[in-house]
Amino acid sequence: MTGSSTAVVAWALRSYITSLRVLQDASAGEEELSGSIGPHTPLLVETMTLLARPRTRLVFPSQLAPSTQPMTSWVVRQSDSELNAAAKQILAQINRGRVGKPVEAAKSGDLFFAHTQGGLSAEMKQIVAASPGQE
């Protein structure tokens, strides 16, 4: 019974963002939390799998659209070829020499849940502002 209840909780919270990092120097794969965040600023979004293992994906604010599903804030929209090319280059840099599961590009339809209202950090306010359809 405990395993099944844990699985239900993990399933319900699979879109919850446990870590959100901003990549300022995408070519070097460097994480930094200063500077301006725009629609094409790469973000590393970490959620959990059904087995409660971390899953990290690369997404751009311009790909995030408001979600109408429960327990979600954003749904990933289809990206254009320019963003796909940028994502491939960034992922190659990030995953070089990485131990463990590689960072993946977010796919169309992926869901994320983040607190996008209330007391937000300056960085989160910029991410919300750079996402289409967000207030």
N, C-alpha and C. Protein backbone atom coordinates (compact mmCIF):
# COMPACT_ATOMS: atom_id res chain seq x y z
N MET A 1 0.83 -1.19 0.00
CA MET A 1 0.00 0.00 0.00
C MET A 1 0.87 1.26 0.00
N THR A 2 1.96 1.23 0.74
CA THR A 2 2.82 2.41 0.82
C THR A 2 3.43 2.73 -0.54
N GLY A 3 3.85 1.71 -1.27
CA GLY A 3 4.44 1.93 -2.59
C GLY A 3 3.46 2.55 -3.56
N SER A 4 2.22 2.10 -3.51
CA SER A 4 1.24 2.65 -4.45
C SER A 4 0.87 4.08 -4.10
N SER A 5 0.80 4.40 -2.81
CA SER A 5 0.49 5.79 -2.45
C SER A 5 1.65 6.71 -2.80
N THR A 6 2.86 6.23 -2.66
CA THR A 6 4.03 7.01 -3.05
C THR A 6 4.02 7.25 -4.56
N ALA A 7 3.65 6.23 -5.32
CA ALA A 7 3.58 6.36 -6.77
C ALA A 7 2.51 7.37 -7.18
N VAL A 8 1.38 7.38 -6.49
CA VAL A 8 0.30 8.32 -6.81
C VAL A 8 0.77 9.75 -6.54
N VAL A 9 1.45 9.97 -5.43
CA VAL A 9 1.98 11.30 -5.11
C VAL A 9 3.02 11.71 -6.14
N ALA A 10 3.92 10.79 -6.50
CA ALA A 10 4.94 11.10 -7.50
C ALA A 10 4.30 11.42 -8.85
N TRP A 11 3.26 10.68 -9.22
CA TRP A 11 2.57 10.94 -10.49
C TRP A 11 1.91 12.33 -10.46
N ALA A 12 1.25 12.65 -9.36
CA ALA A 12 0.55 13.94 -9.25
C ALA A 12 1.51 15.12 -9.28
N LEU A 13 2.71 14.92 -8.76
CA LEU A 13 3.68 16.02 -8.67
C LEU A 13 4.78 15.95 -9.73
N ARG A 14 4.62 15.12 -10.74
CA ARG A 14 5.67 14.94 -11.75
C ARG A 14 6.02 16.21 -12.50
N SER A 15 5.09 17.16 -12.59
CA SER A 15 5.36 18.40 -13.31
C SER A 15 5.94 19.49 -12.40
N TYR A 16 6.00 19.23 -11.08
CA TYR A 16 6.48 20.24 -10.13
C TYR A 16 7.97 20.50 -10.33
N ILE A 17 8.31 21.76 -10.51
CA ILE A 17 9.71 22.14 -10.73
C ILE A 17 10.44 22.15 -9.39
N THR A 18 11.45 21.29 -9.29
CA THR A 18 12.25 21.22 -8.06
C THR A 18 13.46 22.14 -8.13
N SER A 19 13.89 22.46 -9.36
CA SER A 19 15.03 23.35 -9.56
C SER A 19 14.88 24.03 -10.91
N LEU A 20 15.17 25.32 -10.94
CA LEU A 20 15.10 26.10 -12.17
C LEU A 20 16.37 26.94 -12.25
N ARG A 21 17.19 26.66 -13.25
CA ARG A 21 18.46 27.38 -13.39
C ARG A 21 18.49 28.11 -14.72
N VAL A 22 19.07 29.29 -14.70
CA VAL A 22 19.19 30.13 -15.88
C VAL A 22 20.60 29.98 -16.44
N LEU A 23 20.69 29.70 -17.74
CA LEU A 23 21.99 29.64 -18.40
C LEU A 23 22.23 30.98 -19.08
N GLN A 24 23.16 31.76 -18.57
CA GLN A 24 23.44 33.07 -19.16
C GLN A 24 24.39 32.97 -20.33
N ASP A 25 25.45 32.17 -20.22
CA ASP A 25 26.39 32.00 -21.31
C ASP A 25 26.15 30.62 -21.90
N ALA A 26 25.17 30.56 -22.80
CA ALA A 26 24.74 29.29 -23.35
C ALA A 26 25.86 28.55 -24.07
N SER A 27 26.74 29.28 -24.72
CA SER A 27 27.81 28.62 -25.48
C SER A 27 28.77 27.88 -24.56
N ALA A 28 28.91 28.37 -23.33
CA ALA A 28 29.81 27.70 -22.39
C ALA A 28 29.05 26.82 -21.41
N GLY A 29 27.72 26.83 -21.48
CA GLY A 29 26.93 26.03 -20.57
C GLY A 29 27.04 26.50 -19.13
N GLU A 30 27.34 27.78 -18.94
CA GLU A 30 27.53 28.32 -17.60
C GLU A 30 26.20 28.76 -17.00
N GLU A 31 26.03 28.40 -15.72
CA GLU A 31 24.84 28.82 -15.00
C GLU A 31 25.16 30.09 -14.23
N GLU A 32 24.30 31.06 -14.35
CA GLU A 32 24.49 32.31 -13.65
C GLU A 32 23.13 32.92 -13.41
N LEU A 33 22.97 33.59 -12.28
CA LEU A 33 21.67 34.15 -11.94
C LEU A 33 21.63 35.67 -12.00
N SER A 34 22.46 36.25 -12.83
CA SER A 34 22.42 37.69 -12.97
C SER A 34 22.19 38.04 -14.43
N GLY A 35 21.72 39.25 -14.67
CA GLY A 35 21.49 39.67 -16.04
C GLY A 35 20.02 39.58 -16.40
N SER A 36 19.75 39.93 -17.63
CA SER A 36 18.38 39.97 -18.12
C SER A 36 17.97 38.61 -18.68
N ILE A 37 16.74 38.22 -18.41
CA ILE A 37 16.18 36.98 -18.91
C ILE A 37 15.14 37.33 -19.96
N GLY A 38 15.33 36.83 -21.17
CA GLY A 38 14.40 37.10 -22.25
C GLY A 38 13.79 35.84 -22.80
N PRO A 39 13.01 35.94 -23.87
CA PRO A 39 12.32 34.78 -24.43
C PRO A 39 13.25 33.67 -24.94
N HIS A 40 14.50 34.02 -25.27
CA HIS A 40 15.42 33.02 -25.80
C HIS A 40 16.54 32.67 -24.82
N THR A 41 16.37 33.02 -23.57
CA THR A 41 17.34 32.64 -22.54
C THR A 41 17.12 31.17 -22.17
N PRO A 42 18.14 30.34 -22.30
CA PRO A 42 17.95 28.92 -21.97
C PRO A 42 17.78 28.70 -20.46
N LEU A 43 16.85 27.80 -20.14
CA LEU A 43 16.57 27.44 -18.74
C LEU A 43 16.75 25.94 -18.56
N LEU A 44 17.32 25.54 -17.44
CA LEU A 44 17.37 24.14 -17.07
C LEU A 44 16.29 23.91 -16.01
N VAL A 45 15.33 23.06 -16.34
CA VAL A 45 14.20 22.80 -15.46
C VAL A 45 14.30 21.37 -14.96
N GLU A 46 14.33 21.21 -13.64
CA GLU A 46 14.41 19.87 -13.05
C GLU A 46 13.08 19.52 -12.41
N THR A 47 12.58 18.35 -12.78
CA THR A 47 11.38 17.78 -12.17
C THR A 47 11.75 16.38 -11.68
N MET A 48 10.78 15.63 -11.23
CA MET A 48 11.04 14.26 -10.77
C MET A 48 10.28 13.27 -11.65
N THR A 49 10.86 12.09 -11.83
CA THR A 49 10.19 11.03 -12.56
C THR A 49 9.22 10.32 -11.62
N LEU A 50 8.48 9.36 -12.16
CA LEU A 50 7.55 8.58 -11.35
C LEU A 50 8.28 7.83 -10.24
N LEU A 51 9.54 7.49 -10.48
CA LEU A 51 10.34 6.80 -9.46
C LEU A 51 11.12 7.78 -8.58
N ALA A 52 10.73 9.06 -8.61
CA ALA A 52 11.32 10.11 -7.78
C ALA A 52 12.80 10.34 -8.09
N ARG A 53 13.17 10.15 -9.34
CA ARG A 53 14.53 10.47 -9.77
C ARG A 53 14.50 11.80 -10.51
N PRO A 54 15.56 12.59 -10.39
CA PRO A 54 15.57 13.88 -11.07
C PRO A 54 15.58 13.74 -12.59
N ARG A 55 14.87 14.64 -13.24
CA ARG A 55 14.84 14.71 -14.70
C ARG A 55 15.05 16.16 -15.09
N THR A 56 16.12 16.44 -15.84
CA THR A 56 16.45 17.81 -16.22
C THR A 56 16.21 18.00 -17.71
N ARG A 57 15.52 19.11 -18.03
CA ARG A 57 15.24 19.43 -19.42
C ARG A 57 15.61 20.88 -19.70
N LEU A 58 15.97 21.14 -20.93
CA LEU A 58 16.31 22.47 -21.41
C LEU A 58 15.08 23.05 -22.09
N VAL A 59 14.72 24.27 -21.73
CA VAL A 59 13.56 24.93 -22.32
C VAL A 59 13.84 26.43 -22.41
N PHE A 60 13.18 27.09 -23.32
CA PHE A 60 13.29 28.54 -23.47
C PHE A 60 11.95 29.16 -23.07
N PRO A 61 11.94 30.32 -22.40
CA PRO A 61 10.67 30.95 -22.00
C PRO A 61 9.69 31.12 -23.15
N SER A 62 10.18 31.35 -24.36
CA SER A 62 9.28 31.53 -25.50
C SER A 62 8.51 30.26 -25.84
N GLN A 63 8.95 29.11 -25.34
CA GLN A 63 8.26 27.85 -25.57
C GLN A 63 7.15 27.60 -24.55
N LEU A 64 7.12 28.38 -23.48
CA LEU A 64 6.18 28.12 -22.39
C LEU A 64 4.87 28.85 -22.61
N ALA A 65 3.79 28.09 -22.60
CA ALA A 65 2.45 28.66 -22.74
C ALA A 65 1.65 28.30 -21.49
N PRO A 66 0.68 29.12 -21.11
CA PRO A 66 -0.13 28.79 -19.93
C PRO A 66 -0.83 27.44 -20.13
N SER A 67 -0.89 26.68 -19.07
CA SER A 67 -1.54 25.37 -19.11
C SER A 67 -2.89 25.45 -18.41
N THR A 68 -3.84 24.70 -18.90
CA THR A 68 -5.17 24.64 -18.26
C THR A 68 -5.35 23.37 -17.45
N GLN A 69 -4.35 22.50 -17.45
CA GLN A 69 -4.45 21.26 -16.69
C GLN A 69 -4.18 21.50 -15.21
N PRO A 70 -4.81 20.70 -14.34
CA PRO A 70 -4.56 20.87 -12.91
C PRO A 70 -3.10 20.60 -12.56
N MET A 71 -2.61 21.27 -11.54
CA MET A 71 -1.25 21.09 -11.02
C MET A 71 -0.18 21.40 -12.07
N THR A 72 -0.48 22.29 -13.00
CA THR A 72 0.52 22.71 -13.99
C THR A 72 0.39 24.21 -14.22
N SER A 73 1.52 24.84 -14.52
CA SER A 73 1.54 26.26 -14.86
C SER A 73 1.76 26.46 -16.34
N TRP A 74 2.66 25.64 -16.91
CA TRP A 74 3.08 25.81 -18.29
C TRP A 74 3.01 24.50 -19.06
N VAL A 75 2.77 24.63 -20.34
CA VAL A 75 2.91 23.53 -21.28
C VAL A 75 3.92 23.99 -22.33
N VAL A 76 4.78 23.09 -22.75
CA VAL A 76 5.80 23.43 -23.74
C VAL A 76 5.17 23.39 -25.13
N ARG A 77 5.37 24.48 -25.87
CA ARG A 77 4.88 24.57 -27.25
C ARG A 77 5.97 24.11 -28.20
N GLN A 78 5.58 23.80 -29.40
CA GLN A 78 6.53 23.43 -30.45
C GLN A 78 7.51 24.58 -30.66
N SER A 79 8.78 24.27 -30.79
CA SER A 79 9.77 25.32 -31.01
C SER A 79 10.15 25.39 -32.49
N ASP A 80 10.69 26.53 -32.89
CA ASP A 80 11.09 26.69 -34.28
C ASP A 80 12.48 26.09 -34.51
N SER A 81 12.90 26.04 -35.76
CA SER A 81 14.17 25.41 -36.10
C SER A 81 15.36 26.15 -35.49
N GLU A 82 15.26 27.47 -35.34
CA GLU A 82 16.35 28.24 -34.73
C GLU A 82 16.55 27.84 -33.27
N LEU A 83 15.45 27.70 -32.52
CA LEU A 83 15.57 27.27 -31.12
C LEU A 83 16.04 25.83 -31.03
N ASN A 84 15.58 24.97 -31.94
CA ASN A 84 16.03 23.58 -31.94
C ASN A 84 17.53 23.49 -32.16
N ALA A 85 18.06 24.28 -33.07
CA ALA A 85 19.50 24.28 -33.34
C ALA A 85 20.27 24.80 -32.13
N ALA A 86 19.77 25.86 -31.51
CA ALA A 86 20.41 26.40 -30.31
C ALA A 86 20.39 25.37 -29.19
N ALA A 87 19.26 24.68 -29.02
CA ALA A 87 19.13 23.68 -27.96
C ALA A 87 20.13 22.54 -28.17
N LYS A 88 20.28 22.08 -29.40
CA LYS A 88 21.24 20.99 -29.69
C LYS A 88 22.65 21.39 -29.31
N GLN A 89 23.02 22.63 -29.65
CA GLN A 89 24.37 23.11 -29.34
C GLN A 89 24.58 23.21 -27.83
N ILE A 90 23.59 23.75 -27.13
CA ILE A 90 23.69 23.89 -25.67
C ILE A 90 23.74 22.53 -25.00
N LEU A 91 22.88 21.60 -25.43
CA LEU A 91 22.85 20.27 -24.84
C LEU A 91 24.16 19.52 -25.06
N ALA A 92 24.77 19.68 -26.23
CA ALA A 92 26.05 19.04 -26.49
C ALA A 92 27.10 19.52 -25.50
N GLN A 93 27.09 20.81 -25.22
CA GLN A 93 28.05 21.40 -24.28
C GLN A 93 27.77 20.92 -22.85
N ILE A 94 26.50 20.94 -22.45
CA ILE A 94 26.13 20.55 -21.08
C ILE A 94 26.42 19.08 -20.83
N ASN A 95 26.09 18.23 -21.80
CA ASN A 95 26.18 16.78 -21.60
C ASN A 95 27.58 16.22 -21.81
N ARG A 96 28.50 17.04 -22.32
CA ARG A 96 29.87 16.58 -22.52
C ARG A 96 30.49 16.24 -21.16
N GLY A 97 30.88 15.01 -20.98
CA GLY A 97 31.51 14.59 -19.75
C GLY A 97 30.56 14.40 -18.58
N ARG A 98 29.27 14.55 -18.80
CA ARG A 98 28.27 14.42 -17.73
C ARG A 98 28.12 12.96 -17.33
N VAL A 99 28.07 12.73 -16.03
CA VAL A 99 27.84 11.39 -15.50
C VAL A 99 26.36 11.30 -15.14
N GLY A 100 25.74 10.21 -15.50
CA GLY A 100 24.32 10.06 -15.20
C GLY A 100 23.46 10.38 -16.40
N LYS A 101 22.19 10.50 -16.17
CA LYS A 101 21.23 10.75 -17.24
C LYS A 101 21.48 12.12 -17.87
N PRO A 102 21.53 12.19 -19.20
CA PRO A 102 21.80 13.47 -19.86
C PRO A 102 20.62 14.43 -19.76
N VAL A 103 20.92 15.71 -19.86
CA VAL A 103 19.89 16.73 -19.96
C VAL A 103 19.27 16.60 -21.34
N GLU A 104 17.94 16.70 -21.41
CA GLU A 104 17.22 16.57 -22.67
C GLU A 104 16.55 17.89 -23.00
N ALA A 105 16.20 18.06 -24.27
CA ALA A 105 15.39 19.21 -24.67
C ALA A 105 13.94 18.92 -24.27
N ALA A 106 13.26 19.94 -23.77
CA ALA A 106 11.84 19.78 -23.46
C ALA A 106 11.08 19.53 -24.76
N LYS A 107 10.12 18.64 -24.69
CA LYS A 107 9.33 18.29 -25.87
C LYS A 107 7.98 18.99 -25.83
N SER A 108 7.42 19.20 -26.99
CA SER A 108 6.09 19.78 -27.09
C SER A 108 5.12 18.94 -26.26
N GLY A 109 4.36 19.61 -25.40
CA GLY A 109 3.41 18.92 -24.54
C GLY A 109 3.91 18.64 -23.13
N ASP A 110 5.23 18.79 -22.89
CA ASP A 110 5.75 18.62 -21.52
C ASP A 110 5.08 19.65 -20.62
N LEU A 111 4.80 19.25 -19.39
CA LEU A 111 4.11 20.12 -18.43
C LEU A 111 5.04 20.47 -17.28
N PHE A 112 4.92 21.71 -16.80
CA PHE A 112 5.69 22.18 -15.65
C PHE A 112 4.77 22.92 -14.69
N PHE A 113 5.02 22.73 -13.40
CA PHE A 113 4.28 23.47 -12.38
C PHE A 113 5.27 24.31 -11.59
N ALA A 114 5.04 25.61 -11.59
CA ALA A 114 5.87 26.55 -10.82
C ALA A 114 4.95 27.57 -10.18
N HIS A 115 5.37 28.10 -9.08
CA HIS A 115 4.62 29.18 -8.44
C HIS A 115 4.90 30.45 -9.24
N THR A 116 3.92 30.91 -9.99
CA THR A 116 4.12 32.07 -10.87
C THR A 116 3.40 33.31 -10.38
N GLN A 117 2.86 33.25 -9.18
CA GLN A 117 2.18 34.40 -8.59
C GLN A 117 2.67 34.56 -7.16
N GLY A 118 2.43 35.72 -6.59
CA GLY A 118 2.83 35.97 -5.21
C GLY A 118 4.25 36.47 -5.13
N GLY A 119 4.92 36.17 -4.02
CA GLY A 119 6.29 36.63 -3.79
C GLY A 119 7.29 35.88 -4.64
N LEU A 120 7.66 36.44 -5.77
CA LEU A 120 8.59 35.80 -6.69
C LEU A 120 9.95 36.49 -6.65
N SER A 121 10.99 35.72 -6.94
CA SER A 121 12.32 36.30 -7.07
C SER A 121 12.36 37.15 -8.33
N ALA A 122 13.36 38.00 -8.42
CA ALA A 122 13.51 38.85 -9.60
C ALA A 122 13.67 38.01 -10.86
N GLU A 123 14.42 36.89 -10.75
CA GLU A 123 14.63 36.02 -11.90
C GLU A 123 13.33 35.36 -12.34
N MET A 124 12.53 34.90 -11.38
CA MET A 124 11.26 34.25 -11.73
C MET A 124 10.30 35.25 -12.37
N LYS A 125 10.30 36.48 -11.89
CA LYS A 125 9.45 37.51 -12.51
C LYS A 125 9.84 37.73 -13.97
N GLN A 126 11.15 37.71 -14.26
CA GLN A 126 11.61 37.88 -15.63
C GLN A 126 11.22 36.68 -16.50
N ILE A 127 11.29 35.48 -15.95
CA ILE A 127 10.91 34.27 -16.69
C ILE A 127 9.42 34.32 -17.01
N VAL A 128 8.60 34.67 -16.03
CA VAL A 128 7.15 34.76 -16.25
C VAL A 128 6.85 35.83 -17.31
N ALA A 129 7.54 36.97 -17.23
CA ALA A 129 7.31 38.05 -18.19
C ALA A 129 7.75 37.64 -19.60
N ALA A 130 8.78 36.81 -19.71
CA ALA A 130 9.28 36.40 -21.02
C ALA A 130 8.47 35.26 -21.64
N SER A 131 7.56 34.67 -20.87
CA SER A 131 6.73 33.57 -21.37
C SER A 131 5.46 34.11 -21.98
N PRO A 132 5.13 33.70 -23.19
CA PRO A 132 3.92 34.22 -23.84
C PRO A 132 2.65 33.94 -23.03
N GLY A 133 1.77 34.93 -22.97
CA GLY A 133 0.48 34.74 -22.31
C GLY A 133 0.50 34.79 -20.80
N GLN A 134 1.62 35.16 -20.20
CA GLN A 134 1.72 35.21 -18.75
C GLN A 134 1.50 36.63 -18.28
N GLU A 135 0.94 36.77 -17.10
CA GLU A 135 0.77 38.10 -16.50
C GLU A 135 1.87 38.32 -15.49
